[in-house]
Amino acid sequence: MTELKVKLISENAKNPERASDGAAGYDLRACLDAPYTLRPGEIFAVPTGVCIELPDKLHVAMLCARSGLAIRHGITLANSVGIIDSDYRGEIKVGLVNLGGEDFEIVPGERICQMLILPVALPEIVTAEELSETVRGAGGFGSTGRG
């Protein structure tokens, strides 16, 4: 993929950008007219003013938390990882949740999440009577060691 089409739908919107040459994700910014106070336990869908067009159904945009916001303030995505499907053309809104113990002010233009553009595998689904055996088998939830 060589190009991602981006439509800015607000005069305050900013194009997604990578913070460094080695960054995997593109930062998305809060497209707000005024600061918004996110209270502990509150969820708020933050507008970005950005719409995208992925090149085809074999690509997806995934929204991930910014580590600094999560570690320092407890601000993360309400749905853990946001999925932007290839056929979605609306505004990207980021569901942020405050897991911290204090109010957090989201200011206009603040970087609020990272957007990764990744390939998607779309295999044919085949119903099977049996699955191949592995050493692990059906063991889960800490079965391979300390959880």
Protein backbone atom coordinates (compact mmCIF):
# COMPACT_ATOMS: atom_id res chain seq x y z
CA MET A 1 0.00 0.00 0.00
CA THR A 2 1.47 3.31 -1.01
CA GLU A 3 -1.31 5.75 -0.24
CA LEU A 4 -4.05 6.36 2.31
CA LYS A 5 -6.74 8.84 1.31
CA VAL A 6 -7.70 11.21 4.14
CA LYS A 7 -10.61 13.65 4.18
CA LEU A 8 -10.60 16.40 6.81
CA ILE A 9 -14.17 17.38 7.71
CA SER A 10 -13.44 20.20 10.13
CA GLU A 11 -11.24 23.27 9.88
CA ASN A 12 -9.61 22.15 13.16
CA ALA A 13 -8.80 18.66 11.88
CA LYS A 14 -5.21 17.56 11.28
CA ASN A 15 -3.89 14.85 9.01
CA PRO A 16 -2.70 11.71 10.82
CA GLU A 17 1.08 11.86 11.28
CA ARG A 18 3.87 9.65 12.51
CA ALA A 19 5.83 11.15 15.42
CA SER A 20 9.15 9.72 14.23
CA ASP A 21 10.63 7.93 11.24
CA GLY A 22 10.45 4.60 13.08
CA ALA A 23 6.88 5.03 14.35
CA ALA A 24 4.50 2.29 13.22
CA GLY A 25 1.36 4.25 14.04
CA TYR A 26 -0.11 7.54 12.88
CA ASP A 27 -1.22 9.84 15.67
CA LEU A 28 -4.83 11.01 15.58
CA ARG A 29 -5.74 14.26 17.31
CA ALA A 30 -8.77 15.48 19.21
CA CYS A 31 -10.84 17.74 16.97
CA LEU A 32 -12.59 19.74 19.68
CA ASP A 33 -13.74 23.37 19.84
CA ALA A 34 -12.89 23.55 23.55
CA PRO A 35 -11.20 21.36 26.17
CA TYR A 36 -13.23 18.43 27.48
CA THR A 37 -12.86 17.07 31.01
CA LEU A 38 -12.96 13.28 31.11
CA ARG A 39 -13.94 12.21 34.60
CA PRO A 40 -12.77 8.94 36.23
CA GLY A 41 -14.78 6.04 34.83
CA GLU A 42 -16.27 8.16 32.03
CA ILE A 43 -16.26 7.17 28.35
CA PHE A 44 -16.30 9.85 25.66
CA ALA A 45 -16.25 9.47 21.85
CA VAL A 46 -13.65 12.05 20.83
CA PRO A 47 -14.08 13.37 17.28
CA THR A 48 -10.97 13.52 15.10
CA GLY A 49 -12.39 15.35 12.08
CA VAL A 50 -10.75 12.65 9.94
CA CYS A 51 -12.30 10.21 7.44
CA ILE A 52 -10.17 7.69 5.59
CA GLU A 53 -10.36 5.47 2.53
CA LEU A 54 -8.39 2.27 2.83
CA PRO A 55 -7.27 0.92 -0.56
CA ASP A 56 -9.19 -2.38 -0.42
CA LYS A 57 -10.78 -5.03 1.82
CA LEU A 58 -7.37 -6.54 2.51
CA HIS A 59 -6.43 -3.61 4.78
CA VAL A 60 -7.76 -2.44 8.14
CA ALA A 61 -7.04 0.56 10.34
CA MET A 62 -6.63 -0.29 14.02
CA LEU A 63 -6.79 2.33 16.75
CA CYS A 64 -4.53 1.75 19.75
CA ALA A 65 -3.91 3.63 22.99
CA ARG A 66 -0.99 6.00 23.34
CA SER A 67 1.26 4.50 25.99
CA GLY A 68 2.05 7.82 27.69
CA LEU A 69 -1.62 8.66 28.22
CA ALA A 70 -2.35 5.14 29.46
CA ILE A 71 0.58 4.83 31.85
CA ARG A 72 0.64 8.37 33.23
CA HIS A 73 -3.09 9.12 33.34
CA GLY A 74 -5.06 5.89 32.86
CA ILE A 75 -6.50 7.14 29.55
CA THR A 76 -7.08 4.32 27.09
CA LEU A 77 -9.54 3.12 24.48
CA ALA A 78 -12.90 1.97 25.83
CA ASN A 79 -12.96 -0.97 23.40
CA SER A 80 -9.24 -1.81 23.81
CA VAL A 81 -8.59 -1.67 20.05
CA GLY A 82 -10.75 0.19 17.56
CA ILE A 83 -11.35 -1.34 14.14
CA ILE A 84 -11.93 0.83 11.06
CA ASP A 85 -13.21 -1.41 8.27
CA SER A 86 -12.24 -0.82 4.65
CA ASP A 87 -15.78 0.18 3.65
CA TYR A 88 -16.30 2.78 6.42
CA ARG A 89 -16.18 6.38 5.21
CA GLY A 90 -17.44 8.30 8.25
CA GLU A 91 -15.54 10.31 10.79
CA ILE A 92 -13.17 8.38 13.02
CA LYS A 93 -14.20 8.89 16.62
CA VAL A 94 -12.05 7.54 19.43
CA GLY A 95 -13.82 6.10 22.45
CA LEU A 96 -11.59 7.11 25.35
CA VAL A 97 -12.11 5.96 28.92
CA ASN A 98 -10.53 7.40 32.05
CA LEU A 99 -9.34 4.48 34.20
CA GLY A 100 -7.38 6.83 36.42
CA GLY A 101 -8.46 8.40 39.68
CA GLU A 102 -8.41 12.04 38.57
CA ASP A 103 -10.12 14.20 35.96
CA PHE A 104 -8.22 14.42 32.68
CA GLU A 105 -8.54 17.39 30.34
CA ILE A 106 -8.50 16.57 26.62
CA VAL A 107 -7.38 19.69 24.80
CA PRO A 108 -8.09 20.53 21.14
CA GLY A 109 -5.36 19.13 18.89
CA GLU A 110 -4.06 16.69 21.52
CA ARG A 111 -2.78 13.35 20.24
CA ILE A 112 -5.30 10.83 21.56
CA CYS A 113 -4.48 7.49 19.89
CA GLN A 114 -2.38 5.76 17.28
CA MET A 115 -3.75 4.39 14.02
CA LEU A 116 -2.06 1.35 12.50
CA ILE A 117 -2.74 0.29 8.90
CA LEU A 118 -2.46 -3.48 8.65
CA PRO A 119 -3.09 -6.28 6.16
CA VAL A 120 -6.11 -8.51 6.71
CA ALA A 121 -6.40 -12.23 5.98
CA LEU A 122 -9.86 -13.27 4.77
CA PRO A 123 -9.79 -17.09 4.63
CA GLU A 124 -12.77 -19.18 3.61
CA ILE A 125 -14.49 -20.53 6.75
CA VAL A 126 -14.70 -24.34 6.74
CA THR A 127 -16.63 -26.24 9.43
CA ALA A 128 -14.55 -29.19 10.72
CA GLU A 129 -15.39 -32.20 12.87
CA GLU A 130 -11.86 -32.34 14.29
CA LEU A 131 -8.88 -29.99 14.67
CA SER A 132 -5.22 -31.04 14.63
CA GLU A 133 -3.60 -31.94 17.94
CA THR A 134 -1.00 -29.71 19.63
CA VAL A 135 1.00 -29.99 22.84
CA ARG A 136 -1.06 -27.20 24.37
CA GLY A 137 -4.41 -28.51 23.20
CA ALA A 138 -7.38 -26.64 24.69
CA GLY A 139 -5.40 -25.29 27.67
CA GLY A 140 -5.90 -21.59 28.23
CA PHE A 141 -6.00 -18.88 30.90
CA GLY A 142 -2.55 -19.51 32.34
CA SER A 143 -2.16 -23.15 31.33
CA THR A 144 1.33 -22.49 29.93
CA GLY A 145 2.66 -20.88 33.11
CA ARG A 146 2.01 -17.95 35.39
CA GLY A 147 -0.95 -15.93 34.06
